[in-house]
Amino acid sequence: MKQVTIEKERYYDSVFLMLISKEVEALPGVNSATAALATPSNIENLTRIGFTSPDLLAAGPNDLVVAIDAESKEALAAAQARVEEMLTEKKEQAATSSARPSTLSSAIDSLPGANLALISVPGQYAARVARLALRKDLHVMLFSDNVAIEDEISLKKDAVGRNLLMMGPDCGTAIINGAPLGFANAVRRGSIGIVGASGTGIQEISSLIDRYGAGISQAIGTGGRDLHEEVGGMMMLFGIDALATDPDTSVIVVVSKAPAQSVAEKVIDALQKLDKPVVVQFIGEASRPPRGNITFAPSLAAAARSACEKAGVKIEAEDESDAQIERIAASEYEKMSPQQHRLVGLFGGGTLAQEAWHLLSVGGERVYSNVALNKALKIAGDEHVDGHVLLDLGDDIFTQGRPHPMIEPSLRDEHVLALVDDRSIAVLLLDLVLGYGAHPDPAAGLAAAIAKVKKAFEERGGYLSVVASITGTIADPQGYSRQRSQLEGVGAIVMESNDVAARLVLKILSHVAMEGGR
């Protein structure tokens, strides 16, 4: 029994609506439940699974749609009642909380000392709001995506001319004067400054720096397109200049997903003129020898280590040795069946996915991926692939109508569970990203999915090796140690970094290649 209800102009954020969907779907007699805004993609998805209504087709993106499939009228009524109860509770909470400004001008009036605006509005409105913030002499972190590149270029030119930061669009992480913004981690203050065109790249490096015993002065996000040819690295260069003159920064780290080569060289030329040591990590770039004050790191973890050493901090944590990795790999392989030979990587962090793909490729593995830098191995992500495959599940193809897996990890849990009948898989490679803004307990659902799939493999005489890394710190809201213990409790092997996790996978796959078919 399917029923669709539309409520006009009743807007709620997607995370809250996702929580409604999960809770109502768990009620007795409910087959499925969706509470969402009536965006075109959500309407298309609901129509595809059998929810039809003239009202649904006429609904707009600010309208609330509740679609429930229940086994009986009683179950349907109970589900609808619970939806309305949760919506009412939300409305009452909003009514009793302190007033929230509805415009940028009223926000400035309520907090006159503020000098930075964090903007997260639909993409079609984002550039206008950011431009207004710059004109009011505010630094900007533009979390919004789907902003035209022409608008990005115009905003950054305006910001540079006003001597202001214009972080974004699609800037997910920054730490400014100790304040974590977006998906940042709880890290200690220190003397290492980061400028990054990579959200999870900044997170991995800053978290490892914290775990290695050092700290962060500033972490400036630029938005993922800043080092594209069209944008020309405007905010990367501005951020470098800012850190160069910052008395609290003694070492500078630059990180980016694969940049346009001409822009990369422009950034390197600017870095060479500084009198501070610099560490550069461009994902997918071949190793380079040092150039003056610049060290080129082969991985995010290596960049964090190098930065700590240059800051004069003795590293407190040690990565697993090659001998330890070899022992783990041999032990994992021995439990597998002859049919197992494939790798599947399921990632929430886009930069972590691209780094893992690059490290596996450098190690000699042919891996298909939606973040592949080799066109011959580039896939959309939703097609069937024979061979190794690694997916960034934060890509638009997976998140249409759904929150990003860092916010709601059930998307990745579903992909893990879908592997239960695939006898060819030998290794499952995962990341887990903690921090402010991320899901409060992402390991819980993932651990349950891993346990179910590993049990199925063992029942038919095989063994699924699960290798993971966690980007985060002990001070993060989710708790690094608690997240790690949940994964290790179901048999996952948690390595100290994405780099080391990829190295372990390479070792396991080398055993599969050498000894397969026994």
Protein backbone atom coordinates (compact mmCIF):
# COMPACT_ATOMS: atom_id res chain seq x y z
CA MET A 1 0.00 0.00 0.00
CA LYS A 2 1.71 3.14 -1.28
CA GLN A 3 0.72 6.70 -0.44
CA VAL A 4 2.24 10.09 -1.26
CA THR A 5 1.58 13.26 0.76
CA ILE A 6 2.70 16.71 -0.39
CA GLU A 7 2.94 19.70 1.93
CA LYS A 8 3.48 22.98 0.08
CA GLU A 9 6.32 25.30 1.13
CA ARG A 10 7.37 23.16 4.09
CA TYR A 11 11.15 23.21 3.85
CA TYR A 12 13.48 21.10 6.05
CA ASP A 13 17.15 20.28 5.69
CA SER A 14 18.02 16.97 4.02
CA VAL A 15 19.77 15.49 7.05
CA PHE A 16 16.68 15.91 9.26
CA LEU A 17 14.46 14.43 6.54
CA MET A 18 16.86 11.50 6.19
CA LEU A 19 16.50 10.84 9.94
CA ILE A 20 12.71 10.80 9.57
CA SER A 21 12.96 8.35 6.68
CA LYS A 22 15.18 5.96 8.63
CA GLU A 23 13.07 6.02 11.81
CA VAL A 24 9.73 5.58 10.05
CA GLU A 25 11.07 2.84 7.79
CA ALA A 26 12.02 0.87 10.92
CA LEU A 27 8.39 0.80 12.17
CA PRO A 28 6.49 -2.53 12.03
CA GLY A 29 4.72 -3.11 8.72
CA VAL A 30 6.54 -0.35 6.84
CA ASN A 31 8.32 -1.52 3.68
CA SER A 32 9.82 1.85 2.78
CA ALA A 33 9.54 5.48 3.81
CA THR A 34 10.90 8.62 2.20
CA ALA A 35 10.68 12.15 3.55
CA ALA A 36 12.36 14.55 1.15
CA LEU A 37 12.06 17.81 -0.70
CA ALA A 38 10.37 17.52 -4.08
CA THR A 39 13.46 18.16 -6.18
CA PRO A 40 13.37 16.84 -9.76
CA SER A 41 15.77 14.00 -8.88
CA ASN A 42 13.72 12.97 -5.83
CA ILE A 43 10.49 13.02 -7.84
CA GLU A 44 12.16 10.92 -10.55
CA ASN A 45 13.43 8.40 -7.98
CA LEU A 46 10.02 8.08 -6.29
CA THR A 47 8.24 7.70 -9.62
CA ARG A 48 10.69 4.97 -10.65
CA ILE A 49 9.87 2.87 -7.58
CA GLY A 50 6.12 3.13 -8.05
CA PHE A 51 4.97 6.28 -6.23
CA THR A 52 2.65 8.14 -8.60
CA SER A 53 0.47 11.17 -7.99
CA PRO A 54 -0.46 14.28 -9.99
CA ASP A 55 0.41 16.31 -6.89
CA LEU A 56 3.90 14.77 -6.85
CA LEU A 57 4.58 15.78 -10.45
CA ALA A 58 3.37 19.32 -9.73
CA ALA A 59 5.44 19.73 -6.55
CA GLY A 60 8.39 22.11 -6.31
CA PRO A 61 11.80 21.92 -4.60
CA ASN A 62 10.57 23.76 -1.49
CA ASP A 63 7.66 21.34 -0.99
CA LEU A 64 7.86 18.39 1.39
CA VAL A 65 7.00 14.97 0.00
CA VAL A 66 6.33 11.98 2.26
CA ALA A 67 6.11 8.64 0.43
CA ILE A 68 5.29 5.53 2.46
CA ASP A 69 4.85 1.92 1.38
CA ALA A 70 3.16 -0.06 4.17
CA GLU A 71 1.64 -3.54 4.48
CA SER A 72 -1.67 -2.38 5.95
CA LYS A 73 -3.83 0.69 6.57
CA GLU A 74 -2.92 0.53 10.25
CA ALA A 75 0.82 0.47 9.55
CA LEU A 76 0.43 3.34 7.07
CA ALA A 77 -1.50 5.43 9.60
CA ALA A 78 1.09 4.77 12.32
CA ALA A 79 3.90 5.77 9.95
CA GLN A 80 2.16 8.98 8.92
CA ALA A 81 1.50 9.84 12.54
CA ARG A 82 5.17 9.39 13.41
CA VAL A 83 6.23 11.62 10.51
CA GLU A 84 3.93 14.39 11.69
CA GLU A 85 5.09 13.93 15.28
CA MET A 86 8.74 14.40 14.29
CA LEU A 87 7.92 17.43 12.15
CA THR A 88 5.97 19.00 15.01
CA GLU A 89 8.83 18.37 17.45
CA LYS A 90 11.20 20.10 15.02
CA LYS A 91 8.87 23.09 14.71
CA GLU A 92 8.55 23.41 18.49
CA GLN A 93 12.33 23.25 18.92
CA ALA A 94 12.76 26.05 16.39
CA ALA A 95 10.12 28.15 18.14
CA THR A 96 11.86 27.90 21.53
CA SER A 97 15.40 28.44 20.24
CA SER A 98 16.99 31.85 19.92
CA ALA A 99 15.98 33.81 16.85
CA ARG A 100 18.03 33.16 13.73
CA PRO A 101 18.75 35.93 11.23
CA SER A 102 17.08 35.39 7.88
CA THR A 103 19.36 37.67 5.84
CA LEU A 104 23.06 38.45 5.73
CA SER A 105 22.40 42.04 6.80
CA SER A 106 20.42 40.96 9.88
CA ALA A 107 23.13 38.43 10.73
CA ILE A 108 25.76 41.20 10.67
CA ASP A 109 23.54 43.32 12.88
CA SER A 110 23.19 40.50 15.40
CA LEU A 111 26.95 39.81 15.46
CA PRO A 112 28.67 43.09 14.54
CA GLY A 113 32.20 41.87 15.32
CA ALA A 114 32.10 39.01 12.81
CA ASN A 115 34.57 39.13 9.93
CA LEU A 116 33.77 35.87 8.10
CA ALA A 117 30.58 34.56 6.49
CA LEU A 118 30.06 30.81 6.04
CA ILE A 119 27.52 30.46 3.23
CA SER A 120 25.53 27.32 2.47
CA VAL A 121 22.57 28.08 0.23
CA PRO A 122 21.38 26.50 -3.04
CA GLY A 123 23.92 27.02 -5.81
CA GLN A 124 21.78 29.37 -7.89
CA TYR A 125 21.75 31.89 -5.03
CA ALA A 126 25.23 31.33 -3.63
CA ALA A 127 27.25 33.71 -5.80
CA ARG A 128 24.92 36.63 -5.08
CA VAL A 129 25.12 36.08 -1.30
CA ALA A 130 28.91 35.66 -1.43
CA ARG A 131 29.30 38.85 -3.46
CA LEU A 132 27.23 40.75 -0.92
CA ALA A 133 29.39 39.38 1.93
CA LEU A 134 32.58 40.50 0.19
CA ARG A 135 31.14 43.98 -0.31
CA LYS A 136 30.50 44.11 3.43
CA ASP A 137 34.21 43.42 3.96
CA LEU A 138 33.71 39.82 5.15
CA HIS A 139 35.96 36.88 4.40
CA VAL A 140 33.87 34.12 2.81
CA MET A 141 33.74 30.37 3.10
CA LEU A 142 31.35 29.23 0.37
CA PHE A 143 30.23 25.71 1.24
CA SER A 144 27.66 25.67 -1.59
CA ASP A 145 28.35 23.75 -4.78
CA ASN A 146 26.77 24.02 -8.24
CA VAL A 147 28.15 27.53 -8.64
CA ALA A 148 29.13 28.50 -12.20
CA ILE A 149 32.87 28.69 -12.73
CA GLU A 150 32.45 32.19 -14.20
CA ASP A 151 30.97 33.29 -10.87
CA GLU A 152 33.84 31.65 -8.99
CA ILE A 153 36.40 33.55 -11.06
CA SER A 154 34.55 36.84 -10.58
CA LEU A 155 34.18 36.32 -6.81
CA LYS A 156 37.83 35.46 -6.33
CA LYS A 157 39.03 38.44 -8.34
CA ASP A 158 36.81 40.66 -6.21
CA ALA A 159 38.07 39.07 -2.99
CA VAL A 160 41.75 39.38 -3.88
CA GLY A 161 41.20 43.02 -4.77
CA ARG A 162 39.68 43.57 -1.33
CA ASN A 163 42.38 41.51 0.45
CA LEU A 164 39.78 38.98 1.59
CA LEU A 165 39.60 35.19 1.62
CA MET A 166 37.13 33.68 -0.83
CA MET A 167 37.20 29.98 0.12
CA GLY A 168 35.10 28.00 -2.32
CA PRO A 169 32.69 27.41 -3.87
CA ASP A 170 32.39 23.78 -2.75
CA CYS A 171 34.82 24.44 0.10
CA GLY A 172 34.16 21.79 2.74
CA THR A 173 36.93 22.34 5.27
CA ALA A 174 38.87 25.17 6.89
CA ILE A 175 40.36 26.05 10.28
CA ILE A 176 40.68 29.79 10.80
CA ASN A 177 42.28 31.10 13.99
CA GLY A 178 41.49 27.81 15.69
CA ALA A 179 37.83 27.75 14.64
CA PRO A 180 36.88 24.58 12.70
CA LEU A 181 34.63 25.30 9.71
CA GLY A 182 32.67 22.77 7.68
CA PHE A 183 34.00 19.23 7.88
CA ALA A 184 37.07 20.10 9.92
CA ASN A 185 38.60 17.99 12.67
CA ALA A 186 39.38 18.87 16.27
CA VAL A 187 43.12 19.48 16.07
CA ARG A 188 45.52 21.26 18.40
CA ARG A 189 46.94 24.68 17.58
CA GLY A 190 50.49 24.78 16.29
CA SER A 191 52.84 26.25 13.71
CA ILE A 192 51.90 24.33 10.54
CA GLY A 193 49.70 26.14 8.03
CA ILE A 194 47.82 24.40 5.22
CA VAL A 195 46.35 25.70 1.98
CA GLY A 196 44.29 23.08 0.18
CA ALA A 197 42.15 22.62 -2.90
CA SER A 198 40.98 19.43 -1.23
CA GLY A 199 38.66 19.07 1.75
CA THR A 200 39.49 15.54 2.88
CA GLY A 201 43.11 16.17 1.91
CA ILE A 202 43.23 18.98 4.49
CA GLN A 203 41.43 16.70 6.97
CA GLU A 204 43.83 13.78 6.52
CA ILE A 205 46.94 15.94 6.80
CA SER A 206 45.71 18.03 9.74
CA SER A 207 44.46 14.96 11.64
CA LEU A 208 47.75 13.12 11.15
CA ILE A 209 49.71 16.21 12.20
CA ASP A 210 47.66 16.24 15.41
CA ARG A 211 48.20 12.52 15.99
CA TYR A 212 51.91 12.91 15.28
CA GLY A 213 52.11 15.52 18.07
CA ALA A 214 52.13 18.85 16.20
CA GLY A 215 49.42 21.41 15.47
CA ILE A 216 47.77 23.70 12.93
CA SER A 217 48.03 27.48 12.73
CA GLN A 218 45.57 27.91 9.85
CA ALA A 219 43.97 25.62 7.28
CA ILE A 220 42.66 27.55 4.30
CA GLY A 221 40.38 25.74 1.88
CA THR A 222 40.20 27.08 -1.66
CA GLY A 223 37.47 24.99 -3.26
CA GLY A 224 38.19 22.04 -5.52
CA ARG A 225 38.40 23.98 -8.79
CA ASP A 226 40.91 26.59 -7.68
CA LEU A 227 43.85 24.89 -9.42
CA HIS A 228 41.92 24.36 -12.63
CA GLU A 229 43.24 26.22 -15.67
CA GLU A 230 40.32 28.67 -15.74
CA VAL A 231 40.61 29.77 -12.10
CA GLY A 232 44.39 29.82 -12.12
CA GLY A 233 44.99 29.12 -8.42
CA MET A 234 43.87 32.58 -7.33
CA MET A 235 42.91 31.61 -3.78
CA MET A 236 45.78 29.13 -3.43
CA LEU A 237 48.25 31.94 -4.17
CA PHE A 238 46.38 34.33 -1.88
CA GLY A 239 46.40 31.77 0.93
CA ILE A 240 50.12 31.12 0.46
CA ASP A 241 50.81 34.84 0.77
CA ALA A 242 48.69 34.98 3.93
CA LEU A 243 50.60 32.12 5.56
CA ALA A 244 53.94 33.56 4.43
CA THR A 245 53.29 36.69 6.50
CA ASP A 246 51.60 34.91 9.42
CA PRO A 247 53.96 35.00 12.44
CA ASP A 248 52.29 31.89 13.90
CA THR A 249 53.08 29.77 10.81
CA SER A 250 56.58 28.32 10.48
CA VAL A 251 55.87 25.57 7.91
CA ILE A 252 53.46 25.68 4.95
CA VAL A 253 51.71 22.64 3.43
CA VAL A 254 50.02 22.84 0.02
CA VAL A 255 47.66 20.05 -1.03
CA SER A 256 45.40 19.56 -4.04
CA LYS A 257 43.70 16.97 -6.13
CA ALA A 258 45.40 16.62 -9.50
CA PRO A 259 45.96 20.27 -10.63
CA ALA A 260 46.35 21.75 -14.09
CA GLN A 261 50.08 21.52 -14.78
CA SER A 262 50.50 25.19 -15.70
CA VAL A 263 48.78 26.25 -12.47
CA ALA A 264 50.84 23.80 -10.43
CA GLU A 265 54.03 25.35 -11.78
CA LYS A 266 52.76 28.85 -11.00
CA VAL A 267 52.09 27.76 -7.40
CA ILE A 268 55.54 26.15 -7.11
CA ASP A 269 57.21 29.29 -8.46
CA ALA A 270 55.45 31.36 -5.77
CA LEU A 271 56.44 28.88 -3.04
CA GLN A 272 60.11 28.99 -4.03
CA LYS A 273 60.25 32.70 -3.22
CA LEU A 274 59.27 32.14 0.43
CA ASP A 275 61.67 32.03 3.34
CA LYS A 276 59.65 29.29 5.07
CA PRO A 277 59.93 25.54 4.46
CA VAL A 278 57.14 24.13 2.30
CA VAL A 279 55.68 20.66 1.74
CA VAL A 280 53.67 20.05 -1.46
CA GLN A 281 51.35 17.11 -2.11
CA PHE A 282 49.60 17.06 -5.47
CA ILE A 283 47.51 13.89 -5.74
CA GLY A 284 48.53 11.74 -8.67
CA GLU A 285 51.79 13.55 -9.38
CA ALA A 286 54.98 11.59 -9.96
CA SER A 287 57.69 11.91 -7.33
CA ARG A 288 59.85 15.03 -7.63
CA PRO A 289 63.18 15.82 -6.01
CA PRO A 290 63.28 18.75 -3.54
CA ARG A 291 63.42 22.20 -5.08
CA GLY A 292 64.97 24.82 -2.82
CA ASN A 293 62.75 25.19 0.23
CA ILE A 294 60.12 22.81 -1.19
CA THR A 295 59.74 19.10 -0.37
CA PHE A 296 57.38 17.11 -2.58
CA ALA A 297 55.59 14.42 -0.59
CA PRO A 298 54.42 11.16 -2.24
CA SER A 299 51.29 10.89 -0.07
CA LEU A 300 49.11 12.82 2.36
CA ALA A 301 50.63 10.95 5.30
CA ALA A 302 54.14 11.67 4.05
CA ALA A 303 53.22 15.37 3.78
CA ALA A 304 52.05 15.37 7.41
CA ARG A 305 55.25 13.66 8.59
CA SER A 306 57.49 15.98 6.59
CA ALA A 307 55.69 19.05 7.93
CA CYS A 308 56.09 17.86 11.52
CA GLU A 309 59.81 17.24 11.01
CA LYS A 310 60.30 20.70 9.47
CA ALA A 311 58.44 22.20 12.45
CA GLY A 312 60.91 20.49 14.78
CA VAL A 313 58.30 18.17 16.30
CA LYS A 314 59.34 14.64 17.18
CA ILE A 315 56.70 12.33 15.77
CA GLU A 316 54.93 10.41 18.52
CA ALA A 317 53.11 7.85 16.36
CA GLU A 318 54.83 5.33 14.11
CA ASP A 319 53.33 3.73 11.00
CA GLU A 320 53.43 -0.03 10.51
CA SER A 321 56.74 -1.31 9.11
CA ASP A 322 57.02 -3.14 5.79
CA ALA A 323 57.65 -6.36 7.74
CA GLN A 324 54.46 -5.88 9.79
CA ILE A 325 52.46 -5.15 6.65
CA GLU A 326 53.83 -8.28 4.99
CA ARG A 327 52.88 -10.45 7.99
CA ILE A 328 49.34 -9.06 8.03
CA ALA A 329 48.97 -9.52 4.26
CA ALA A 330 50.16 -13.14 4.32
CA SER A 331 47.80 -13.96 7.19
CA GLU A 332 44.84 -12.36 5.41
CA TYR A 333 45.51 -14.16 2.15
CA GLU A 334 45.80 -17.59 3.77
CA LYS A 335 42.13 -17.49 4.81
CA MET A 336 40.79 -16.82 1.30
CA SER A 337 39.28 -19.25 -1.21
CA PRO A 338 40.77 -19.74 -4.70
CA GLN A 339 37.92 -17.79 -6.36
CA GLN A 340 38.76 -14.57 -4.53
CA HIS A 341 40.89 -12.15 -6.52
CA ARG A 342 39.20 -8.71 -6.76
CA LEU A 343 39.53 -5.46 -4.85
CA VAL A 344 36.56 -3.21 -4.14
CA GLY A 345 37.17 0.24 -2.62
CA LEU A 346 34.23 2.23 -1.24
CA PHE A 347 35.14 5.76 -0.14
CA GLY A 348 33.36 8.76 1.36
CA GLY A 349 36.29 11.16 0.92
CA GLY A 350 36.97 12.15 -2.68
CA THR A 351 40.63 13.05 -2.18
CA LEU A 352 41.24 9.92 -0.13
CA ALA A 353 39.69 7.88 -2.94
CA GLN A 354 41.91 9.53 -5.55
CA GLU A 355 45.01 9.07 -3.40
CA ALA A 356 44.23 5.38 -2.85
CA TRP A 357 43.63 4.91 -6.58
CA HIS A 358 46.94 6.61 -7.38
CA LEU A 359 48.95 4.59 -4.83
CA LEU A 360 47.43 1.33 -6.06
CA SER A 361 48.18 2.30 -9.66
CA VAL A 362 51.78 3.21 -8.85
CA GLY A 363 51.99 -0.19 -7.14
CA GLY A 364 51.10 -1.89 -10.42
CA GLU A 365 47.39 -2.58 -9.98
CA ARG A 366 44.86 -1.80 -12.69
CA VAL A 367 41.92 -0.24 -10.86
CA TYR A 368 38.77 1.16 -12.45
CA SER A 369 37.42 4.23 -10.70
CA ASN A 370 35.29 7.35 -11.01
CA VAL A 371 38.32 9.29 -9.73
CA ALA A 372 40.86 7.61 -12.02
CA LEU A 373 43.43 9.90 -13.61
CA ASN A 374 43.94 7.39 -16.42
CA LYS A 375 41.16 7.83 -18.99
CA ALA A 376 41.27 4.14 -19.87
CA LEU A 377 40.28 3.29 -16.29
CA LYS A 378 37.77 6.10 -15.76
CA ILE A 379 34.21 4.92 -15.12
CA ALA A 380 30.98 6.67 -14.15
CA GLY A 381 30.65 4.45 -11.11
CA ASP A 382 27.25 2.79 -11.53
CA GLU A 383 28.24 0.24 -14.19
CA HIS A 384 29.38 -3.36 -13.69
CA VAL A 385 33.14 -3.79 -13.87
CA ASP A 386 35.17 -6.99 -14.17
CA GLY A 387 38.34 -6.33 -12.21
CA HIS A 388 39.43 -4.09 -9.37
CA VAL A 389 37.14 -1.12 -8.74
CA LEU A 390 37.36 1.86 -6.37
CA LEU A 391 34.49 4.33 -5.98
CA ASP A 392 34.13 7.80 -4.53
CA LEU A 393 30.57 7.51 -3.20
CA GLY A 394 30.41 11.25 -2.63
CA ASP A 395 30.21 11.77 -6.40
CA ASP A 396 27.02 13.34 -7.78
CA ILE A 397 25.93 10.09 -9.42
CA PHE A 398 25.49 8.53 -5.99
CA THR A 399 24.21 11.51 -4.00
CA GLN A 400 21.35 12.80 -6.17
CA GLY A 401 18.51 13.24 -3.69
CA ARG A 402 20.62 11.87 -0.82
CA PRO A 403 23.03 13.42 1.69
CA HIS A 404 26.77 12.96 1.22
CA PRO A 405 28.02 9.71 2.84
CA MET A 406 30.10 11.71 5.32
CA ILE A 407 26.81 13.14 6.63
CA GLU A 408 24.72 9.99 6.23
CA PRO A 409 26.88 6.85 5.86
CA SER A 410 24.02 4.45 5.13
CA LEU A 411 24.70 5.01 1.41
CA ARG A 412 28.09 3.31 1.79
CA ASP A 413 26.63 0.67 4.14
CA GLU A 414 24.21 -0.31 1.37
CA HIS A 415 27.09 -0.72 -1.09
CA VAL A 416 28.95 -2.92 1.39
CA LEU A 417 25.89 -5.12 1.93
CA ALA A 418 25.46 -5.47 -1.84
CA LEU A 419 28.79 -7.38 -1.95
CA VAL A 420 27.43 -10.27 0.09
CA ASP A 421 26.99 -12.67 -2.86
CA ASP A 422 30.08 -11.68 -4.85
CA ARG A 423 32.49 -14.61 -4.42
CA SER A 424 35.25 -12.92 -6.44
CA ILE A 425 36.08 -10.19 -3.90
CA ALA A 426 39.26 -10.66 -1.88
CA VAL A 427 39.71 -7.21 -0.33
CA LEU A 428 37.36 -4.40 0.67
CA LEU A 429 39.13 -1.04 1.14
CA LEU A 430 37.37 1.71 3.11
CA ASP A 431 37.90 5.15 4.57
CA LEU A 432 36.06 6.70 7.51
CA VAL A 433 36.10 10.48 7.90
CA LEU A 434 35.33 12.04 11.28
CA GLY A 435 35.03 15.65 12.32
CA TYR A 436 32.52 18.45 12.86
CA GLY A 437 29.54 18.15 10.52
CA ALA A 438 30.10 14.45 9.85
CA HIS A 439 27.76 11.70 11.09
CA PRO A 440 27.97 11.26 14.89
CA ASP A 441 28.72 7.53 14.73
CA PRO A 442 29.61 6.40 11.20
CA ALA A 443 31.37 3.21 12.33
CA ALA A 444 28.23 1.70 13.86
CA GLY A 445 26.33 1.01 10.64
CA LEU A 446 29.51 0.23 8.73
CA ALA A 447 30.60 -2.32 11.33
CA ALA A 448 27.21 -4.04 11.18
CA ALA A 449 27.41 -4.24 7.37
CA ILE A 450 30.98 -5.56 7.47
CA ALA A 451 30.03 -8.23 10.02
CA LYS A 452 27.15 -9.47 7.88
CA VAL A 453 29.22 -9.68 4.69
CA LYS A 454 32.23 -11.30 6.38
CA LYS A 455 29.95 -13.92 7.94
CA ALA A 456 28.45 -14.76 4.54
CA PHE A 457 31.94 -15.21 3.06
CA GLU A 458 33.02 -17.47 5.92
CA GLU A 459 29.87 -19.61 5.70
CA ARG A 460 30.74 -20.55 2.13
CA GLY A 461 34.41 -21.25 2.87
CA GLY A 462 35.95 -17.92 1.98
CA TYR A 463 37.25 -14.88 3.82
CA LEU A 464 36.77 -11.18 3.09
CA SER A 465 39.75 -9.04 4.07
CA VAL A 466 38.52 -5.59 5.14
CA VAL A 467 41.16 -2.84 5.29
CA ALA A 468 40.30 0.64 6.52
CA SER A 469 41.76 3.94 7.65
CA ILE A 470 40.16 6.62 9.80
CA THR A 471 40.67 10.33 9.20
CA GLY A 472 40.20 11.95 12.59
CA THR A 473 41.55 12.66 16.07
CA ILE A 474 40.81 11.59 19.62
CA ALA A 475 39.18 14.98 20.25
CA ASP A 476 36.71 14.67 17.35
CA PRO A 477 33.03 14.47 18.34
CA GLN A 478 32.83 10.87 17.13
CA GLY A 479 35.95 9.80 19.05
CA TYR A 480 38.75 8.23 16.98
CA SER A 481 39.33 5.39 19.44
CA ARG A 482 35.63 4.51 19.68
CA GLN A 483 35.24 4.44 15.89
CA ARG A 484 38.37 2.32 15.50
CA SER A 485 37.32 -0.21 18.14
CA GLN A 486 33.94 -0.73 16.43
CA LEU A 487 35.59 -1.58 13.11
CA GLU A 488 38.28 -3.76 14.65
CA GLY A 489 35.58 -5.51 16.69
CA VAL A 490 34.11 -7.02 13.51
CA GLY A 491 37.45 -8.03 12.05
CA ALA A 492 38.40 -4.99 9.97
CA ILE A 493 42.09 -4.09 9.91
CA VAL A 494 42.44 -0.37 10.65
CA MET A 495 45.69 1.19 9.46
CA GLU A 496 47.13 4.50 10.63
CA SER A 497 46.58 6.35 7.35
CA ASN A 498 45.05 6.04 3.90
CA ASP A 499 48.60 5.64 2.56
CA VAL A 500 49.40 2.64 4.79
CA ALA A 501 45.99 1.07 4.10
CA ALA A 502 46.74 1.19 0.36
CA ARG A 503 50.17 -0.35 0.98
CA LEU A 504 48.58 -3.24 2.85
CA VAL A 505 46.08 -3.82 0.06
CA LEU A 506 48.92 -3.92 -2.47
CA LYS A 507 50.66 -6.60 -0.39
CA ILE A 508 47.50 -8.70 -0.14
CA LEU A 509 46.88 -8.41 -3.87
CA SER A 510 50.47 -9.41 -4.58
CA HIS A 511 49.84 -12.68 -2.69
CA VAL A 512 46.64 -13.19 -4.68
CA ALA A 513 48.55 -12.67 -7.95
CA MET A 514 51.49 -14.91 -7.00
CA GLU A 515 49.63 -17.69 -5.23
CA GLY A 516 46.13 -17.49 -6.71
CA GLY A 517 44.48 -20.61 -8.01
CA ARG A 518 46.04 -22.83 -5.34
